[in-house]
Amino acid sequence: MNVCKRVLYQGHVQGVGFRYTAYGLAHRFTVAGYVKNLPDGSVELAVEGESGEVDRFLEAVARQLAEHIQSREEHEQPAHGFAKFEIRM
């Protein structure tokens, strides 16, 4: 079953390679979506795919970037039909 999750990461998450790390990790999983910086200093990540694959990807992001993440908010949302995973500006 495909799911879509939107996650907001707060902390020291901009200027540390967060987007590029998430982008690189995404290519290890069968997921699509995007990652982008927000004006308030947080990072938004939207990802969709098979439920277990999305969860494994988000766990990998959390492990890899744990020292920069102070908190995160995760919400499920309707699937958008993303074709690939990309960095948005």
PDB file of N, CA and C in Angstrom:
ATOM      1  N   MET A   1       0.833  -1.175   0.000  1.00  0.00           N
ATOM      2  CA  MET A   1       0.000   0.000   0.000  1.00  0.00           C
ATOM      3  C   MET A   1       0.886   1.250   0.000  1.00  0.00           C
ATOM      4  N   ASN A   2       0.641   2.170  -0.903  1.00  0.00           N
ATOM      5  CA  ASN A   2       1.426   3.398  -0.971  1.00  0.00           C
ATOM      6  C   ASN A   2       0.911   4.434   0.018  1.00  0.00           C
ATOM      7  N   VAL A   3       1.845   5.140   0.621  1.00  0.00           N
ATOM      8  CA  VAL A   3       1.541   6.214   1.555  1.00  0.00           C
ATOM      9  C   VAL A   3       2.354   7.441   1.175  1.00  0.00           C
ATOM     10  N   CYS A   4       1.947   8.573   1.688  1.00  0.00           N
ATOM     11  CA  CYS A   4       2.704   9.813   1.513  1.00  0.00           C
ATOM     12  C   CYS A   4       2.831  10.463   2.886  1.00  0.00           C
ATOM     13  N   LYS A   5       4.052  10.829   3.249  1.00  0.00           N
ATOM     14  CA  LYS A   5       4.286  11.485   4.531  1.00  0.00           C
ATOM     15  C   LYS A   5       5.032  12.786   4.293  1.00  0.00           C
ATOM     16  N   ARG A   6       4.628  13.791   5.047  1.00  0.00           N
ATOM     17  CA  ARG A   6       5.297  15.099   5.040  1.00  0.00           C
ATOM     18  C   ARG A   6       5.918  15.276   6.412  1.00  0.00           C
ATOM     19  N   VAL A   7       7.217  15.542   6.424  1.00  0.00           N
ATOM     20  CA  VAL A   7       7.937  15.674   7.682  1.00  0.00           C
ATOM     21  C   VAL A   7       8.617  17.040   7.719  1.00  0.00           C
ATOM     22  N   LEU A   8       8.442  17.746   8.819  1.00  0.00           N
ATOM     23  CA  LEU A   8       9.129  19.012   9.060  1.00  0.00           C
ATOM     24  C   LEU A   8      10.205  18.772  10.109  1.00  0.00           C
ATOM     25  N   TYR A   9      11.438  19.095   9.758  1.00  0.00           N
ATOM     26  CA  TYR A   9      12.570  18.928  10.666  1.00  0.00           C
ATOM     27  C   TYR A   9      13.011  20.290  11.171  1.00  0.00           C
ATOM     28  N   GLN A  10      13.197  20.411  12.492  1.00  0.00           N
ATOM     29  CA  GLN A  10      13.695  21.624  13.103  1.00  0.00           C
ATOM     30  C   GLN A  10      15.022  21.322  13.792  1.00  0.00           C
ATOM     31  N   GLY A  11      15.797  22.354  13.958  1.00  0.00           N
ATOM     32  CA  GLY A  11      17.108  22.233  14.589  1.00  0.00           C
ATOM     33  C   GLY A  11      18.114  22.973  13.736  1.00  0.00           C
ATOM     34  N   HIS A  12      19.344  22.487  13.743  1.00  0.00           N
ATOM     35  CA  HIS A  12      20.387  23.057  12.873  1.00  0.00           C
ATOM     36  C   HIS A  12      20.383  22.227  11.596  1.00  0.00           C
ATOM     37  N   VAL A  13      19.331  22.407  10.779  1.00  0.00           N
ATOM     38  CA  VAL A  13      19.105  21.542   9.619  1.00  0.00           C
ATOM     39  C   VAL A  13      19.379  22.219   8.279  1.00  0.00           C
ATOM     40  N   GLN A  14      19.706  23.503   8.295  1.00  0.00           N
ATOM     41  CA  GLN A  14      20.074  24.185   7.054  1.00  0.00           C
ATOM     42  C   GLN A  14      21.555  24.517   7.100  1.00  0.00           C
ATOM     43  N   GLY A  15      22.200  24.410   5.943  1.00  0.00           N
ATOM     44  CA  GLY A  15      23.621  24.700   5.862  1.00  0.00           C
ATOM     45  C   GLY A  15      24.513  23.563   6.317  1.00  0.00           C
ATOM     46  N   VAL A  16      23.939  22.371   6.452  1.00  0.00           N
ATOM     47  CA  VAL A  16      24.713  21.206   6.916  1.00  0.00           C
ATOM     48  C   VAL A  16      24.644  20.043   5.920  1.00  0.00           C
ATOM     49  N   GLY A  17      24.108  20.301   4.726  1.00  0.00           N
ATOM     50  CA  GLY A  17      23.991  19.243   3.729  1.00  0.00           C
ATOM     51  C   GLY A  17      22.776  18.346   3.917  1.00  0.00           C
ATOM     52  N   PHE A  18      21.801  18.817   4.659  1.00  0.00           N
ATOM     53  CA  PHE A  18      20.611  18.009   4.950  1.00  0.00           C
ATOM     54  C   PHE A  18      19.913  17.567   3.667  1.00  0.00           C
ATOM     55  N   ARG A  19      19.646  18.516   2.767  1.00  0.00           N
ATOM     56  CA  ARG A  19      18.914  18.197   1.539  1.00  0.00           C
ATOM     57  C   ARG A  19      19.686  17.202   0.677  1.00  0.00           C
ATOM     58  N   TYR A  20      20.976  17.410   0.553  1.00  0.00           N
ATOM     59  CA  TYR A  20      21.779  16.533  -0.299  1.00  0.00           C
ATOM     60  C   TYR A  20      21.935  15.140   0.306  1.00  0.00           C
ATOM     61  N   THR A  21      22.013  15.073   1.620  1.00  0.00           N
ATOM     62  CA  THR A  21      22.072  13.775   2.288  1.00  0.00           C
ATOM     63  C   THR A  21      20.760  13.020   2.099  1.00  0.00           C
ATOM     64  N   ALA A  22      19.637  13.704   2.305  1.00  0.00           N
ATOM     65  CA  ALA A  22      18.327  13.064   2.115  1.00  0.00           C
ATOM     66  C   ALA A  22      18.157  12.608   0.667  1.00  0.00           C
ATOM     67  N   TYR A  23      18.591  13.445  -0.269  1.00  0.00           N
ATOM     68  CA  TYR A  23      18.517  13.108  -1.695  1.00  0.00           C
ATOM     69  C   TYR A  23      19.331  11.846  -1.989  1.00  0.00           C
ATOM     70  N   GLY A  24      20.527  11.778  -1.468  1.00  0.00           N
ATOM     71  CA  GLY A  24      21.364  10.598  -1.673  1.00  0.00           C
ATOM     72  C   GLY A  24      20.759   9.351  -1.050  1.00  0.00           C
ATOM     73  N   LEU A  25      20.218   9.486   0.139  1.00  0.00           N
ATOM     74  CA  LEU A  25      19.575   8.344   0.805  1.00  0.00           C
ATOM     75  C   LEU A  25      18.358   7.871   0.035  1.00  0.00           C
ATOM     76  N   ALA A  26      17.604   8.801  -0.532  1.00  0.00           N
ATOM     77  CA  ALA A  26      16.376   8.440  -1.251  1.00  0.00           C
ATOM     78  C   ALA A  26      16.661   7.478  -2.397  1.00  0.00           C
ATOM     79  N   HIS A  27      17.843   7.576  -2.992  1.00  0.00           N
ATOM     80  CA  HIS A  27      18.171   6.710  -4.118  1.00  0.00           C
ATOM     81  C   HIS A  27      18.486   5.276  -3.695  1.00  0.00           C
ATOM     82  N   ARG A  28      18.554   5.028  -2.410  1.00  0.00           N
ATOM     83  CA  ARG A  28      18.736   3.667  -1.893  1.00  0.00           C
ATOM     84  C   ARG A  28      17.396   2.978  -1.632  1.00  0.00           C
ATOM     85  N   PHE A  29      16.322   3.732  -1.774  1.00  0.00           N
ATOM     86  CA  PHE A  29      14.981   3.229  -1.480  1.00  0.00           C
ATOM     87  C   PHE A  29      14.068   3.480  -2.677  1.00  0.00           C
ATOM     88  N   THR A  30      12.970   2.752  -2.729  1.00  0.00           N
ATOM     89  CA  THR A  30      11.983   2.958  -3.789  1.00  0.00           C
ATOM     90  C   THR A  30      10.969   3.973  -3.284  1.00  0.00           C
ATOM     91  N   VAL A  31      11.379   5.239  -3.318  1.00  0.00           N
ATOM     92  CA  VAL A  31      10.535   6.336  -2.853  1.00  0.00           C
ATOM     93  C   VAL A  31      10.634   7.498  -3.830  1.00  0.00           C
ATOM     94  N   ALA A  32       9.682   8.395  -3.749  1.00  0.00           N
ATOM     95  CA  ALA A  32       9.673   9.613  -4.560  1.00  0.00           C
ATOM     96  C   ALA A  32       9.205  10.753  -3.663  1.00  0.00           C
ATOM     97  N   GLY A  33       9.477  11.985  -4.095  1.00  0.00           N
ATOM     98  CA  GLY A  33       9.063  13.143  -3.319  1.00  0.00           C
ATOM     99  C   GLY A  33      10.057  14.262  -3.457  1.00  0.00           C
ATOM    100  N   TYR A  34      10.222  15.020  -2.365  1.00  0.00           N
ATOM    101  CA  TYR A  34      11.142  16.158  -2.410  1.00  0.00           C
ATOM    102  C   TYR A  34      11.608  16.534  -1.011  1.00  0.00           C
ATOM    103  N   VAL A  35      12.665  17.330  -0.984  1.00  0.00           N
ATOM    104  CA  VAL A  35      13.168  17.923   0.245  1.00  0.00           C
ATOM    105  C   VAL A  35      13.494  19.377  -0.080  1.00  0.00           C
ATOM    106  N   LYS A  36      13.140  20.296   0.843  1.00  0.00           N
ATOM    107  CA  LYS A  36      13.435  21.704   0.596  1.00  0.00           C
ATOM    108  C   LYS A  36      13.591  22.467   1.901  1.00  0.00           C
ATOM    109  N   ASN A  37      14.386  23.534   1.838  1.00  0.00           N
ATOM    110  CA  ASN A  37      14.527  24.447   2.967  1.00  0.00           C
ATOM    111  C   ASN A  37      13.311  25.352   3.029  1.00  0.00           C
ATOM    112  N   LEU A  38      12.905  25.700   4.245  1.00  0.00           N
ATOM    113  CA  LEU A  38      11.811  26.642   4.449  1.00  0.00           C
ATOM    114  C   LEU A  38      12.371  27.944   5.020  1.00  0.00           C
ATOM    115  N   PRO A  39      11.668  29.048   4.796  1.00  0.00           N
ATOM    116  CA  PRO A  39      12.159  30.354   5.247  1.00  0.00           C
ATOM    117  C   PRO A  39      12.398  30.452   6.755  1.00  0.00           C
ATOM    118  N   ASP A  40      11.706  29.642   7.546  1.00  0.00           N
ATOM    119  CA  ASP A  40      11.861  29.724   9.004  1.00  0.00           C
ATOM    120  C   ASP A  40      13.062  28.949   9.532  1.00  0.00           C
ATOM    121  N   GLY A  41      13.872  28.361   8.639  1.00  0.00           N
ATOM    122  CA  GLY A  41      15.062  27.618   9.054  1.00  0.00           C
ATOM    123  C   GLY A  41      14.855  26.126   9.188  1.00  0.00           C
ATOM    124  N   SER A  42      13.636  25.661   8.970  1.00  0.00           N
ATOM    125  CA  SER A  42      13.356  24.225   9.028  1.00  0.00           C
ATOM    126  C   SER A  42      13.491  23.616   7.636  1.00  0.00           C
ATOM    127  N   VAL A  43      13.381  22.306   7.573  1.00  0.00           N
ATOM    128  CA  VAL A  43      13.435  21.580   6.307  1.00  0.00           C
ATOM    129  C   VAL A  43      12.162  20.753   6.174  1.00  0.00           C
ATOM    130  N   GLU A  44      11.560  20.811   4.999  1.00  0.00           N
ATOM    131  CA  GLU A  44      10.364  20.035   4.693  1.00  0.00           C
ATOM    132  C   GLU A  44      10.756  18.881   3.781  1.00  0.00           C
ATOM    133  N   LEU A  45      10.268  17.692   4.107  1.00  0.00           N
ATOM    134  CA  LEU A  45      10.505  16.514   3.295  1.00  0.00           C
ATOM    135  C   LEU A  45       9.158  15.844   3.053  1.00  0.00           C
ATOM    136  N   ALA A  46       8.822  15.601   1.806  1.00  0.00           N
ATOM    137  CA  ALA A  46       7.616  14.858   1.454  1.00  0.00           C
ATOM    138  C   ALA A  46       8.067  13.608   0.724  1.00  0.00           C
ATOM    139  N   VAL A  47       7.559  12.471   1.131  1.00  0.00           N
ATOM    140  CA  VAL A  47       8.004  11.212   0.541  1.00  0.00           C
ATOM    141  C   VAL A  47       6.817  10.267   0.399  1.00  0.00           C
ATOM    142  N   GLU A  48       6.789   9.555  -0.717  1.00  0.00           N
ATOM    143  CA  GLU A  48       5.743   8.560  -0.893  1.00  0.00           C
ATOM    144  C   GLU A  48       6.313   7.293  -1.501  1.00  0.00           C
ATOM    145  N   GLY A  49       5.607   6.225  -1.235  1.00  0.00           N
ATOM    146  CA  GLY A  49       6.006   4.908  -1.701  1.00  0.00           C
ATOM    147  C   GLY A  49       5.313   3.869  -0.844  1.00  0.00           C
ATOM    148  N   GLU A  50       5.775   2.642  -0.937  1.00  0.00           N
ATOM    149  CA  GLU A  50       5.227   1.562  -0.122  1.00  0.00           C
ATOM    150  C   GLU A  50       5.500   1.889   1.348  1.00  0.00           C
ATOM    151  N   SER A  51       4.555   1.621   2.198  1.00  0.00           N
ATOM    152  CA  SER A  51       4.609   2.022   3.600  1.00  0.00           C
ATOM    153  C   SER A  51       5.929   1.660   4.284  1.00  0.00           C
ATOM    154  N   GLY A  52       6.339   0.428   4.179  1.00  0.00           N
ATOM    155  CA  GLY A  52       7.577  -0.014   4.821  1.00  0.00           C
ATOM    156  C   GLY A  52       8.800   0.674   4.252  1.00  0.00           C
ATOM    157  N   GLU A  53       8.812   0.906   2.964  1.00  0.00           N
ATOM    158  CA  GLU A  53       9.940   1.564   2.303  1.00  0.00           C
ATOM    159  C   GLU A  53      10.043   3.023   2.750  1.00  0.00           C
ATOM    160  N   VAL A  54       8.912   3.704   2.850  1.00  0.00           N
ATOM    161  CA  VAL A  54       8.885   5.089   3.336  1.00  0.00           C
ATOM    162  C   VAL A  54       9.412   5.139   4.768  1.00  0.00           C
ATOM    163  N   ASP A  55       8.955   4.230   5.615  1.00  0.00           N
ATOM    164  CA  ASP A  55       9.410   4.209   7.007  1.00  0.00           C
ATOM    165  C   ASP A  55      10.904   3.942   7.107  1.00  0.00           C
ATOM    166  N   ARG A  56      11.415   3.007   6.310  1.00  0.00           N
ATOM    167  CA  ARG A  56      12.852   2.712   6.330  1.00  0.00           C
ATOM    168  C   ARG A  56      13.665   3.921   5.859  1.00  0.00           C
ATOM    169  N   PHE A  57      13.180   4.613   4.837  1.00  0.00           N
ATOM    170  CA  PHE A  57      13.859   5.813   4.359  1.00  0.00           C
ATOM    171  C   PHE A  57      13.898   6.881   5.440  1.00  0.00           C
ATOM    172  N   LEU A  58      12.756   7.139   6.080  1.00  0.00           N
ATOM    173  CA  LEU A  58      12.702   8.164   7.129  1.00  0.00           C
ATOM    174  C   LEU A  58      13.583   7.792   8.319  1.00  0.00           C
ATOM    175  N   GLU A  59      13.683   6.502   8.630  1.00  0.00           N
ATOM    176  CA  GLU A  59      14.577   6.057   9.703  1.00  0.00           C
ATOM    177  C   GLU A  59      16.032   6.310   9.318  1.00  0.00           C
ATOM    178  N   ALA A  60      16.369   6.079   8.050  1.00  0.00           N
ATOM    179  CA  ALA A  60      17.735   6.324   7.577  1.00  0.00           C
ATOM    180  C   ALA A  60      18.073   7.811   7.655  1.00  0.00           C
ATOM    181  N   VAL A  61      17.129   8.668   7.272  1.00  0.00           N
ATOM    182  CA  VAL A  61      17.341  10.117   7.371  1.00  0.00           C
ATOM    183  C   VAL A  61      17.566  10.495   8.834  1.00  0.00           C
ATOM    184  N   ALA A  62      16.738   9.975   9.717  1.00  0.00           N
ATOM    185  CA  ALA A  62      16.847  10.296  11.146  1.00  0.00           C
ATOM    186  C   ALA A  62      18.193   9.838  11.710  1.00  0.00           C
ATOM    187  N   ARG A  63      18.652   8.651  11.334  1.00  0.00           N
ATOM    188  CA  ARG A  63      19.941   8.141  11.813  1.00  0.00           C
ATOM    189  C   ARG A  63      21.098   8.983  11.277  1.00  0.00           C
ATOM    190  N   GLN A  64      21.088   9.230   9.984  1.00  0.00           N
ATOM    191  CA  GLN A  64      22.195   9.922   9.325  1.00  0.00           C
ATOM    192  C   GLN A  64      22.328  11.376   9.789  1.00  0.00           C
ATOM    193  N   LEU A  65      21.206  12.014  10.073  1.00  0.00           N
ATOM    194  CA  LEU A  65      21.215  13.448  10.389  1.00  0.00           C
ATOM    195  C   LEU A  65      20.829  13.752  11.835  1.00  0.00           C
ATOM    196  N   ALA A  66      20.887  12.740  12.696  1.00  0.00           N
ATOM    197  CA  ALA A  66      20.433  12.871  14.084  1.00  0.00           C
ATOM    198  C   ALA A  66      21.074  14.035  14.825  1.00  0.00           C
ATOM    199  N   GLU A  67      22.345  14.307  14.587  1.00  0.00           N
ATOM    200  CA  GLU A  67      23.022  15.365  15.334  1.00  0.00           C
ATOM    201  C   GLU A  67      22.505  16.760  14.984  1.00  0.00           C
ATOM    202  N   HIS A  68      21.791  16.877  13.864  1.00  0.00           N
ATOM    203  CA  HIS A  68      21.277  18.177  13.434  1.00  0.00           C
ATOM    204  C   HIS A  68      19.788  18.368  13.727  1.00  0.00           C
ATOM    205  N   ILE A  69      19.081  17.268  13.974  1.00  0.00           N
ATOM    206  CA  ILE A  69      17.629  17.319  14.153  1.00  0.00           C
ATOM    207  C   ILE A  69      17.301  17.502  15.633  1.00  0.00           C
ATOM    208  N   GLN A  70      16.600  18.584  15.923  1.00  0.00           N
ATOM    209  CA  GLN A  70      16.152  18.838  17.291  1.00  0.00           C
ATOM    210  C   GLN A  70      14.749  18.270  17.499  1.00  0.00           C
ATOM    211  N   SER A  71      13.891  18.420  16.488  1.00  0.00           N
ATOM    212  CA  SER A  71      12.541  17.869  16.562  1.00  0.00           C
ATOM    213  C   SER A  71      12.010  17.663  15.153  1.00  0.00           C
ATOM    214  N   ARG A  72      10.934  16.909  15.069  1.00  0.00           N
ATOM    215  CA  ARG A  72      10.309  16.676  13.765  1.00  0.00           C
ATOM    216  C   ARG A  72       8.819  16.458  13.947  1.00  0.00           C
ATOM    217  N   GLU A  73       8.065  16.893  12.937  1.00  0.00           N
ATOM    218  CA  GLU A  73       6.614  16.675  12.904  1.00  0.00           C
ATOM    219  C   GLU A  73       6.328  15.861  11.655  1.00  0.00           C
ATOM    220  N   GLU A  74       5.610  14.776  11.815  1.00  0.00           N
ATOM    221  CA  GLU A  74       5.299  13.893  10.686  1.00  0.00           C
ATOM    222  C   GLU A  74       3.794  13.804  10.503  1.00  0.00           C
ATOM    223  N   HIS A  75       3.356  13.982   9.252  1.00  0.00           N
ATOM    224  CA  HIS A  75       1.934  13.930   8.932  1.00  0.00           C
ATOM    225  C   HIS A  75       1.728  13.087   7.674  1.00  0.00           C
ATOM    226  N   GLU A  76       0.707  12.258   7.696  1.00  0.00           N
ATOM    227  CA  GLU A  76       0.332  11.549   6.473  1.00  0.00           C
ATOM    228  C   GLU A  76      -0.545  12.463   5.649  1.00  0.00           C
ATOM    229  N   GLN A  77      -0.439  12.346   4.349  1.00  0.00           N
ATOM    230  CA  GLN A  77      -1.246  13.157   3.442  1.00  0.00           C
ATOM    231  C   GLN A  77      -1.570  12.334   2.211  1.00  0.00           C
ATOM    232  N   PRO A  78      -2.499  12.806   1.397  1.00  0.00           N
ATOM    233  CA  PRO A  78      -2.834  12.075   0.176  1.00  0.00           C
ATOM    234  C   PRO A  78      -1.621  12.007  -0.759  1.00  0.00           C
ATOM    235  N   ALA A  79      -1.502  10.901  -1.463  1.00  0.00           N
ATOM    236  CA  ALA A  79      -0.400  10.725  -2.408  1.00  0.00           C
ATOM    237  C   ALA A  79      -0.510  11.736  -3.549  1.00  0.00           C
ATOM    238  N   HIS A  80       0.640  12.217  -3.999  1.00  0.00           N
ATOM    239  CA  HIS A  80       0.693  13.209  -5.063  1.00  0.00           C
ATOM    240  C   HIS A  80       1.104  12.607  -6.400  1.00  0.00           C
ATOM    241  N   GLY A  81       1.604  11.397  -6.386  1.00  0.00           N
ATOM    242  CA  GLY A  81       2.076  10.779  -7.621  1.00  0.00           C
ATOM    243  C   GLY A  81       3.425  11.315  -8.062  1.00  0.00           C
ATOM    244  N   PHE A  82       4.310  11.604  -7.103  1.00  0.00           N
ATOM    245  CA  PHE A  82       5.653  12.070  -7.447  1.00  0.00           C
ATOM    246  C   PHE A  82       6.339  11.054  -8.355  1.00  0.00           C
ATOM    247  N   ALA A  83       7.070  11.540  -9.345  1.00  0.00           N
ATOM    248  CA  ALA A  83       7.762  10.661 -10.290  1.00  0.00           C
ATOM    249  C   ALA A  83       9.167  10.289  -9.810  1.00  0.00           C
ATOM    250  N   LYS A  84       9.766  11.166  -9.026  1.00  0.00           N
ATOM    251  CA  LYS A  84      11.149  10.935  -8.557  1.00  0.00           C
ATOM    252  C   LYS A  84      11.348  11.692  -7.249  1.00  0.00           C
ATOM    253  N   PHE A  85      12.509  11.535  -6.656  1.00  0.00           N
ATOM    254  CA  PHE A  85      12.849  12.297  -5.449  1.00  0.00           C
ATOM    255  C   PHE A  85      13.780  13.415  -5.881  1.00  0.00           C
ATOM    256  N   GLU A  86      13.473  14.657  -5.441  1.00  0.00           N
ATOM    257  CA  GLU A  86      14.246  15.799  -5.900  1.00  0.00           C
ATOM    258  C   GLU A  86      14.475  16.806  -4.778  1.00  0.00           C
ATOM    259  N   ILE A  87      15.456  17.655  -4.998  1.00  0.00           N
ATOM    260  CA  ILE A  87      15.709  18.793  -4.114  1.00  0.00           C
ATOM    261  C   ILE A  87      14.984  19.983  -4.724  1.00  0.00           C
ATOM    262  N   ARG A  88      14.160  20.624  -3.913  1.00  0.00           N
ATOM    263  CA  ARG A  88      13.462  21.833  -4.366  1.00  0.00           C
ATOM    264  C   ARG A  88      14.072  23.047  -3.711  1.00  0.00           C
ATOM    265  N   MET A  89      14.063  24.121  -4.434  1.00  0.00           N
ATOM    266  CA  MET A  89      14.630  25.377  -3.911  1.00  0.00           C
ATOM    267  C   MET A  89      13.524  26.246  -3.362  1.00  0.00           C
TER     268      MET A  89
END
